[in-house]
Protein backbone atom coordinates (compact mmCIF):
# COMPACT_ATOMS: atom_id res chain seq x y z
CA MET A 1 -0.21 -0.01 -0.10
CA GLY A 2 2.95 2.45 0.74
CA GLU A 3 4.29 1.92 -2.91
CA GLY A 4 5.30 5.29 -4.89
CA GLY A 5 4.96 7.44 -2.19
CA ILE A 6 5.62 10.81 -2.69
CA GLY A 7 6.76 9.76 -6.73
CA ALA A 8 3.02 9.12 -6.87
CA PHE A 9 2.06 12.78 -6.31
CA LEU A 10 5.36 13.83 -8.58
CA PRO A 11 3.29 14.55 -11.85
CA PHE A 12 0.86 16.90 -9.69
CA ILE A 13 3.15 19.05 -7.89
CA LEU A 14 4.59 19.29 -11.32
CA MET A 15 1.55 20.25 -12.97
CA PHE A 16 0.73 22.77 -11.00
CA LEU A 17 3.97 24.04 -10.59
CA VAL A 18 3.56 24.73 -14.40
CA VAL A 19 0.42 26.16 -14.08
CA TYR A 20 1.51 29.01 -11.35
CA PHE A 21 4.50 29.64 -13.61
CA PHE A 22 2.71 30.12 -16.79
CA MET A 23 -0.37 31.51 -15.72
CA ILE A 24 -1.43 32.51 -12.54
CA ALA A 25 1.83 34.14 -11.31
CA PRO A 26 1.87 36.71 -14.76
CA GLN A 27 -2.07 37.27 -14.06
CA MET A 28 -1.17 38.32 -10.33
CA LYS A 29 2.01 40.44 -11.61
CA ARG A 30 -0.27 41.88 -14.66
CA ALA A 31 -3.33 42.71 -12.02
CA LYS A 32 -0.76 44.71 -9.84
CA GLN A 33 0.13 46.89 -12.61
CA GLU A 34 -3.20 47.95 -13.94
CA LYS A 35 -3.91 48.59 -10.27
CA LYS A 36 -0.81 51.12 -10.14
CA PHE A 37 -2.27 52.16 -13.63
CA GLY A 38 -5.15 53.51 -11.98
CA SER A 39 -3.60 55.31 -9.13
CA GLU A 40 -1.29 56.91 -11.67
CA LEU A 41 -4.13 57.88 -13.45
CA LYS A 42 -4.42 62.39 -13.27
CA ARG A 43 -6.33 65.02 -14.80
CA GLY A 44 -5.61 66.08 -18.46
CA ASP A 45 -4.43 62.15 -19.25
CA LYS A 46 -5.55 60.86 -22.66
CA VAL A 47 -6.89 57.17 -21.97
CA ILE A 48 -9.01 54.73 -24.17
CA THR A 49 -11.60 52.87 -22.40
CA LYS A 50 -11.83 48.93 -22.69
CA SER A 51 -14.93 49.53 -25.13
CA GLY A 52 -12.39 51.49 -27.06
CA MET A 53 -14.26 55.29 -26.21
CA HIS A 54 -11.28 58.24 -27.15
CA ALA A 55 -11.34 60.22 -24.23
CA LYS A 56 -9.25 63.01 -21.59
CA ILE A 57 -9.55 63.07 -17.83
CA VAL A 58 -11.18 65.59 -16.48
CA GLU A 59 -11.78 64.70 -12.78
CA LEU A 60 -10.85 61.88 -10.07
CA ASN A 61 -12.38 60.47 -7.47
CA ASP A 62 -10.26 58.82 -4.92
CA LYS A 63 -13.79 58.00 -2.87
CA ASP A 64 -15.20 55.50 -4.80
CA LYS A 65 -12.56 54.98 -7.15
CA SER A 66 -14.26 56.58 -10.47
CA CYS A 67 -13.17 59.34 -12.87
CA VAL A 68 -15.05 61.76 -15.39
CA LEU A 69 -13.69 61.21 -18.90
CA GLU A 70 -14.52 64.47 -21.46
CA THR A 71 -15.69 63.23 -25.20
CA MET A 72 -16.42 64.36 -27.95
CA SER A 73 -19.85 64.09 -26.93
CA GLY A 74 -19.89 65.07 -23.68
CA LYS A 75 -19.00 64.16 -20.30
CA ILE A 76 -19.54 60.75 -18.89
CA LYS A 77 -18.80 59.01 -15.15
CA PHE A 78 -16.38 55.78 -15.76
CA ASP A 79 -15.25 53.63 -13.00
CA ARG A 80 -11.18 53.21 -13.43
CA SER A 81 -11.13 50.05 -13.59
CA ALA A 82 -12.59 50.35 -16.93
CA ILE A 83 -9.65 52.01 -18.57
CA SER A 84 -7.50 50.07 -20.66
CA MET A 85 -3.75 50.20 -19.67
CA GLU A 86 -2.26 49.04 -22.81
CA MET A 87 -4.47 51.23 -25.24
CA SER A 88 -3.76 54.38 -22.88
CA LYS A 89 0.35 53.65 -22.79
CA LYS A 90 -0.02 53.69 -27.16
CA LEU A 91 -1.86 56.32 -26.74
CA ASN A 92 0.47 58.45 -24.74
CA ALA A 93 3.64 56.72 -26.32
CA PRO A 94 6.50 59.02 -28.06
CA PRO A 95 6.47 58.80 -31.81
CA ALA A 96 8.63 56.28 -33.16
CA ILE A 97 11.49 58.33 -34.60
CA LYS A 98 12.52 57.40 -38.30
CA LYS A 99 15.63 57.00 -40.40
């Protein structure tokens, strides 16, 4: 009955480690980066929401983690988590220098 011992669980342990390092750890790192991005937003920043709306931040509310965005059609209140980190960083990236 004691045959195999820890060797029987080795495949499961290895599977867990692979899943952790290739799926869970990068996801936690990304969530931390998104939280930092949301806390560093300031008035005047040009952003893109996750739904694709381009806007400029006109007001930040730390109490309920929301912001007021100004679009071409008016002002809209959004939750900070609705702002896309990747697309906003691409929008604000300096233009590439062509040779």
